[in-house]
Protein backbone atom coordinates (compact mmCIF):
# COMPACT_ATOMS: atom_id res chain seq x y z
CA VAL A 1 96.98 90.66 115.91
CA PRO A 2 96.27 94.30 115.06
CA ALA A 3 94.18 96.30 117.51
CA ALA A 4 90.61 97.12 116.53
CA TRP A 5 91.55 100.63 115.35
CA GLN A 6 93.95 99.08 112.81
CA ARG A 7 91.37 96.75 111.24
CA PRO A 8 90.41 95.95 108.53
CA TYR A 9 93.19 98.29 107.36
CA LEU A 10 94.91 101.49 108.42
CA ASN A 11 95.48 104.40 106.02
CA ILE A 12 98.80 105.57 107.49
CA PHE A 13 99.02 109.00 105.83
CA LYS A 14 95.44 109.79 106.83
CA HIS A 15 95.67 108.45 110.39
CA PHE A 16 98.91 110.26 111.18
CA ARG A 17 97.84 113.39 109.24
CA VAL A 18 101.06 113.48 107.30
CA GLU A 19 100.13 116.78 105.62
CA GLU A 20 100.34 118.59 108.98
CA TRP A 21 103.94 117.47 109.63
CA LYS A 22 103.30 117.24 113.37
CA ARG A 23 103.57 113.47 113.67
CA SER A 24 105.83 113.03 110.66
CA ALA A 25 109.09 114.61 109.53
CA ARG A 26 110.44 115.82 106.22
CA GLU A 27 113.95 116.77 105.27
CA GLY A 28 115.23 118.34 102.06
CA ASP A 29 113.14 118.54 98.91
CA VAL A 30 109.75 117.10 99.95
CA ALA A 31 106.56 118.62 98.55
CA ALA A 32 102.84 117.85 98.34
CA LEU A 33 101.53 117.99 94.79
CA THR A 34 98.24 117.33 93.01
CA ASP A 35 98.65 114.48 90.55
CA ALA A 36 96.33 114.84 87.57
CA ARG A 37 96.34 111.15 86.72
CA LEU A 38 95.69 109.91 90.26
CA LYS A 39 93.28 112.78 90.93
CA GLY A 40 94.68 113.49 94.36
CA THR A 41 97.60 114.56 96.52
CA VAL A 42 100.94 112.81 96.23
CA TYR A 43 104.24 113.52 97.95
CA ARG A 44 107.31 114.15 95.82
CA ILE A 45 110.65 113.34 97.43
CA ARG A 46 113.65 114.24 95.32
CA GLY A 47 117.32 115.10 95.64
CA SER A 48 120.72 113.70 94.73
CA ILE A 49 121.43 112.42 98.27
CA PRO A 50 118.70 110.08 99.57
CA ALA A 51 119.85 110.41 103.20
CA SER A 52 119.24 114.17 103.01
CA ASN A 53 115.83 114.11 101.27
CA TYR A 54 113.14 112.03 102.93
CA LEU A 55 109.68 111.72 104.48
CA GLN A 56 109.66 109.91 107.83
CA LEU A 57 106.94 108.44 110.04
CA PRO A 58 106.82 108.84 113.01
CA ARG A 59 108.54 112.17 113.58
CA THR A 60 111.39 110.95 115.82
CA GLY A 61 113.31 107.72 116.27
CA THR A 62 112.17 107.39 119.88
CA GLN A 63 108.54 107.01 118.76
CA SER A 64 106.89 104.00 117.14
CA LEU A 65 104.03 103.58 114.69
CA GLY A 66 103.00 100.41 116.55
CA LEU A 67 101.26 98.95 113.49
CA ALA A 68 100.77 95.18 113.66
CA GLY A 69 99.15 94.42 110.27
CA ARG A 70 100.83 91.61 108.35
CA TYR A 71 101.04 93.46 105.02
CA LEU A 72 102.48 96.89 104.33
CA TYR A 73 101.19 98.54 101.15
CA LEU A 74 103.27 101.25 99.52
CA LEU A 75 101.64 103.12 96.63
CA PHE A 76 104.46 104.86 94.83
CA ARG A 77 106.22 105.68 91.58
CA PRO A 78 110.00 105.80 91.26
CA MET A 79 111.22 108.87 89.41
CA PRO A 80 112.47 108.14 85.88
CA ARG A 81 116.26 107.88 85.49
CA LYS A 82 116.71 108.26 89.26
CA HIS A 83 117.46 106.02 92.25
CA PHE A 84 115.37 105.73 95.41
CA VAL A 85 115.74 104.20 98.88
CA VAL A 86 113.12 103.04 101.41
CA HIS A 87 113.87 102.00 105.02
CA LEU A 88 111.42 100.15 107.28
CA ASP A 89 112.22 99.53 110.94
CA VAL A 90 110.28 96.60 112.36
CA ALA A 91 110.23 95.07 115.84
CA THR A 92 110.43 91.33 116.44
CA GLN A 93 108.69 89.41 119.20
CA GLU A 94 112.17 88.97 120.66
CA ASN A 95 112.28 92.78 121.14
CA GLN A 96 114.87 93.28 118.43
CA VAL A 97 114.68 96.07 115.84
CA VAL A 98 115.42 95.01 112.26
CA ARG A 99 115.80 97.43 109.36
CA ILE A 100 114.38 96.29 106.02
CA SER A 101 115.67 98.40 103.14
CA PHE A 102 115.10 98.25 99.41
CA SER A 103 116.58 100.42 96.71
CA THR A 104 117.57 100.64 93.06
CA LEU A 105 121.04 101.51 94.35
CA PHE A 106 121.62 98.05 95.82
CA LYS A 107 123.45 95.66 93.51
CA GLU A 108 122.86 92.51 95.58
CA PHE A 109 121.03 91.21 98.62
CA LYS A 110 122.90 91.73 101.89
CA SER A 111 122.01 90.61 105.37
CA THR A 112 123.08 91.01 108.96
CA ALA A 113 121.21 90.09 112.15
CA THR A 114 119.62 93.55 112.19
CA TRP A 115 119.54 94.74 108.56
CA LEU A 116 118.19 93.30 105.31
CA GLN A 117 119.00 95.06 102.02
CA PHE A 118 117.01 94.10 98.91
CA PRO A 119 117.72 95.36 95.38
CA PHE A 120 114.59 96.80 93.75
CA LEU A 121 114.42 96.09 90.01
CA CYS A 122 112.27 98.47 87.99
CA GLY A 123 110.65 97.70 84.66
CA ALA A 124 110.91 93.92 84.67
CA ALA A 125 109.35 92.37 81.58
CA GLU A 126 106.73 89.72 82.11
CA GLY A 127 108.26 86.26 82.08
CA SER A 128 110.99 84.40 83.92
CA LEU A 129 114.16 86.24 84.82
CA GLY A 130 116.18 83.39 86.16
CA ASP A 131 119.34 84.21 84.30
CA GLY A 132 121.76 86.68 85.81
CA ALA A 133 122.44 88.65 82.63
CA ALA A 134 118.76 89.55 82.23
CA ARG A 135 118.53 90.56 85.86
CA ARG A 136 121.61 92.77 85.62
CA ASP A 137 120.02 94.64 82.73
CA LEU A 138 117.18 95.65 85.05
CA MET A 139 119.39 96.97 87.82
CA GLY A 140 120.01 100.65 88.18
CA ALA A 141 117.91 103.79 87.85
CA ALA A 142 114.22 103.58 87.03
CA PRO A 143 113.31 103.57 83.30
CA THR A 144 111.57 106.52 81.68
CA ASP A 145 108.26 104.62 81.46
CA VAL A 146 108.24 103.43 85.09
CA ARG A 147 104.66 103.03 86.35
CA TRP A 148 102.78 103.73 89.55
CA THR A 149 103.19 100.64 91.69
CA CYS A 150 101.38 98.93 94.53
CA LEU A 151 104.10 97.16 96.53
CA VAL A 152 102.86 94.64 99.10
CA LEU A 153 105.40 93.54 101.70
CA ASP A 154 104.59 90.50 103.85
CA LEU A 155 106.57 91.61 106.90
CA PRO A 156 106.22 88.42 109.03
CA SER A 157 107.30 86.29 106.08
CA ILE A 158 110.34 88.47 105.38
CA LEU A 159 111.55 88.16 108.98
CA SER A 160 110.77 84.45 109.05
CA LEU A 161 112.46 83.62 105.73
CA TYR A 162 115.59 85.68 106.08
CA LEU A 163 116.27 85.87 109.82
CA SER A 164 114.04 83.18 111.43
CA ARG A 165 112.51 85.94 113.56
CA ARG A 166 108.90 86.45 114.61
CA TYR A 167 107.27 89.73 113.60
CA SER A 168 105.74 92.04 116.19
CA HIS A 169 105.03 95.45 114.63
CA LEU A 170 106.14 98.22 112.28
CA LYS A 171 108.06 100.93 114.10
CA SER A 172 108.90 103.45 111.40
CA VAL A 173 109.02 104.20 107.69
CA LYS A 174 111.57 106.41 105.93
CA LEU A 175 110.90 107.21 102.27
CA CYS A 176 114.02 108.68 100.62
CA SER A 177 114.51 110.33 97.22
CA ASN A 178 113.69 109.90 94.42
CA LEU A 179 110.04 108.91 94.34
CA LEU A 180 106.40 109.97 94.34
CA VAL A 181 104.21 108.49 97.08
CA LYS A 182 100.43 108.36 97.17
CA ASN A 183 99.92 106.47 100.40
CA LEU A 184 100.87 103.78 102.89
CA CYS A 185 98.56 101.18 104.40
CA THR A 186 98.77 98.20 106.74
CA SER A 187 96.32 95.29 106.88
CA ASP A 188 96.00 91.57 107.52
CA LEU A 189 94.10 91.31 104.23
CA VAL A 190 95.49 90.76 100.75
CA PHE A 191 94.08 93.57 98.61
CA ASP A 192 93.80 92.77 94.91
CA PRO A 193 93.33 96.05 93.00
CA GLY A 194 92.27 94.13 89.89
CA VAL A 195 89.16 92.70 91.57
CA THR A 196 85.94 94.71 91.93
CA PHE A 197 83.74 94.65 95.02
CA SER A 198 81.03 92.73 93.13
CA GLU A 199 83.53 90.15 91.88
CA ALA A 200 84.88 89.70 95.38
CA ARG A 201 81.39 89.06 96.75
CA ARG A 202 80.56 86.54 94.03
CA ALA A 203 83.80 84.62 94.61
CA ASP A 204 83.48 84.91 98.41
CA LEU A 205 87.08 86.06 98.61
CA ALA A 206 86.67 87.54 102.09
CA CYS A 207 86.72 84.11 103.69
CA ARG A 208 90.18 83.60 102.20
CA GLY A 209 91.57 86.91 103.41
CA VAL A 210 91.44 88.53 99.97
CA ALA A 211 89.61 91.81 99.37
CA PRO A 212 89.30 94.55 96.73
CA MET A 213 91.56 97.55 97.24
CA PRO A 214 89.82 100.09 99.55
CA ARG A 215 88.55 103.02 97.50
CA GLU A 216 90.61 105.60 99.39
CA MET A 217 93.76 103.59 98.61
CA ALA A 218 92.97 102.74 94.98
CA PHE A 219 94.51 104.05 91.78
CA PRO A 220 91.87 105.33 89.32
CA VAL A 221 90.95 103.08 86.39
CA PRO A 222 89.13 104.71 83.44
CA ARG A 223 86.00 102.93 82.24
CA GLY A 224 86.79 100.09 79.88
CA GLN A 225 90.38 99.65 81.07
CA LYS A 226 92.01 97.18 83.45
CA TRP A 227 94.07 98.01 86.53
CA HIS A 228 96.93 95.65 85.64
CA ASP A 229 97.29 97.24 82.19
CA LEU A 230 97.96 100.62 83.80
CA TYR A 231 99.87 99.92 86.99
CA ASP A 232 102.31 97.46 88.55
CA TYR A 233 101.51 95.16 91.49
CA ILE A 234 104.43 93.55 93.32
CA ARG A 235 104.08 91.19 96.22
CA PHE A 236 107.14 90.25 98.25
CA PRO A 237 107.91 87.55 99.12
CA SER A 238 105.65 85.92 96.56
CA GLU A 239 103.35 83.14 97.76
CA GLY A 240 103.31 79.69 96.24
CA SER A 241 106.94 78.75 96.85
CA LYS A 242 109.07 78.02 99.89
CA LEU A 243 112.10 79.55 98.22
CA SER A 244 113.39 82.85 99.45
CA TYR A 245 114.34 85.55 96.95
CA ASP A 246 117.07 88.13 96.74
CA SER A 247 115.41 91.05 94.94
CA ILE A 248 112.06 92.79 94.65
CA GLN A 249 110.60 93.02 91.15
CA LYS A 250 107.53 92.46 89.05
CA ILE A 251 107.48 89.35 86.92
CA CYS A 252 104.11 87.96 85.84
CA PRO A 253 100.49 87.64 87.00
CA GLY A 254 99.73 84.72 89.28
CA PRO A 255 97.27 83.45 91.86
CA ALA A 256 96.88 84.82 95.34
CA ALA A 257 97.64 82.59 98.24
CA VAL A 258 96.69 83.59 101.76
CA SER A 259 97.47 81.84 105.00
CA LYS A 260 97.38 82.66 108.69
CA ASP A 261 101.12 82.11 109.02
CA PRO A 262 104.02 82.73 106.63
CA GLN A 263 103.48 79.46 104.75
CA PRO A 264 102.12 79.22 101.20
CA VAL A 265 98.78 77.63 100.40
CA THR A 266 97.07 76.85 97.11
CA LEU A 267 93.71 78.35 96.20
CA THR A 268 91.05 76.76 94.04
CA LYS A 269 90.99 77.39 90.31
CA ALA A 270 87.78 79.41 90.68
CA VAL A 271 89.54 81.87 92.95
CA ARG A 272 92.71 81.95 90.86
CA ASP A 273 90.65 82.83 87.79
CA ARG A 274 89.37 85.94 89.53
CA LEU A 275 92.74 87.13 90.73
CA SER A 276 95.75 88.55 88.95
CA LEU A 277 98.36 89.15 91.63
CA ILE A 278 101.98 89.53 90.67
CA HIS A 279 104.57 86.96 91.64
CA GLN A 280 108.25 87.74 91.95
CA ILE A 281 110.63 84.94 91.02
CA THR A 282 114.39 85.12 91.15
CA SER A 283 117.11 82.65 92.01
CA PRO A 284 118.10 82.57 95.70
CA LYS A 285 121.59 83.83 96.38
CA ALA A 286 123.93 83.12 99.22
CA VAL A 287 123.67 85.59 102.05
CA SER A 288 126.72 87.80 101.91
CA ALA A 289 128.75 89.36 104.64
CA PRO A 290 127.92 92.86 105.95
CA TRP A 291 128.68 95.56 103.38
């Protein structure tokens, strides 16, 4: 359970004052820019070699973020026609460190006892992508019209599904080229950016662990427009199925399901009608040998 200072959520960039570069590290081509569309500061990480161009929290490998929230939120935009890589080091309750990586460079899911590699598929069309040919078309560099994305990673579920391990806390984050990053956040709550504060109160979503996106973490939505028409929301692993998946991608809107442990539950129709979270559905693949 997260400590009091981490609840109801923790704005990682703000808490660790990433702009001062005292508790974080940067290597290569990393710059702070003002994004006109998001009306705020974003960090641009670019370069042909991801391992040489990155933003890292905390500053050194001997330190730990110590963040225990169930969900990690990454607000980012892959750079068009480029590849990116993200590494997360998490600690298990068995005192083991596991690296969770996802990238457009990965062609298939790979797993060892201490490393999970997930392909990240950009620009998935809405609808089922069960067939391999369609999925292969999505692999590779980000498309030119790639959108700002809210990626929600259920860290306890990932460890439970793929390694049968129990999650303890997030140790470190390494964001490698090529991407733009607005922020990082941890929380035990499911934030639905498509739900307003008034809608959440009327539907009493708080009792189910669902909340509107905190204002300081939100993408701007012009009056008269809808969040999900402008941005992508990807939740991984998706709730509502006991199947594990082998890639991270957006598929289609679906209901939110929240539980105290990494097991899916079904919400009432009234709640589903007020939510439009994104489910990711792909066929499970056999775990392959180390790469």
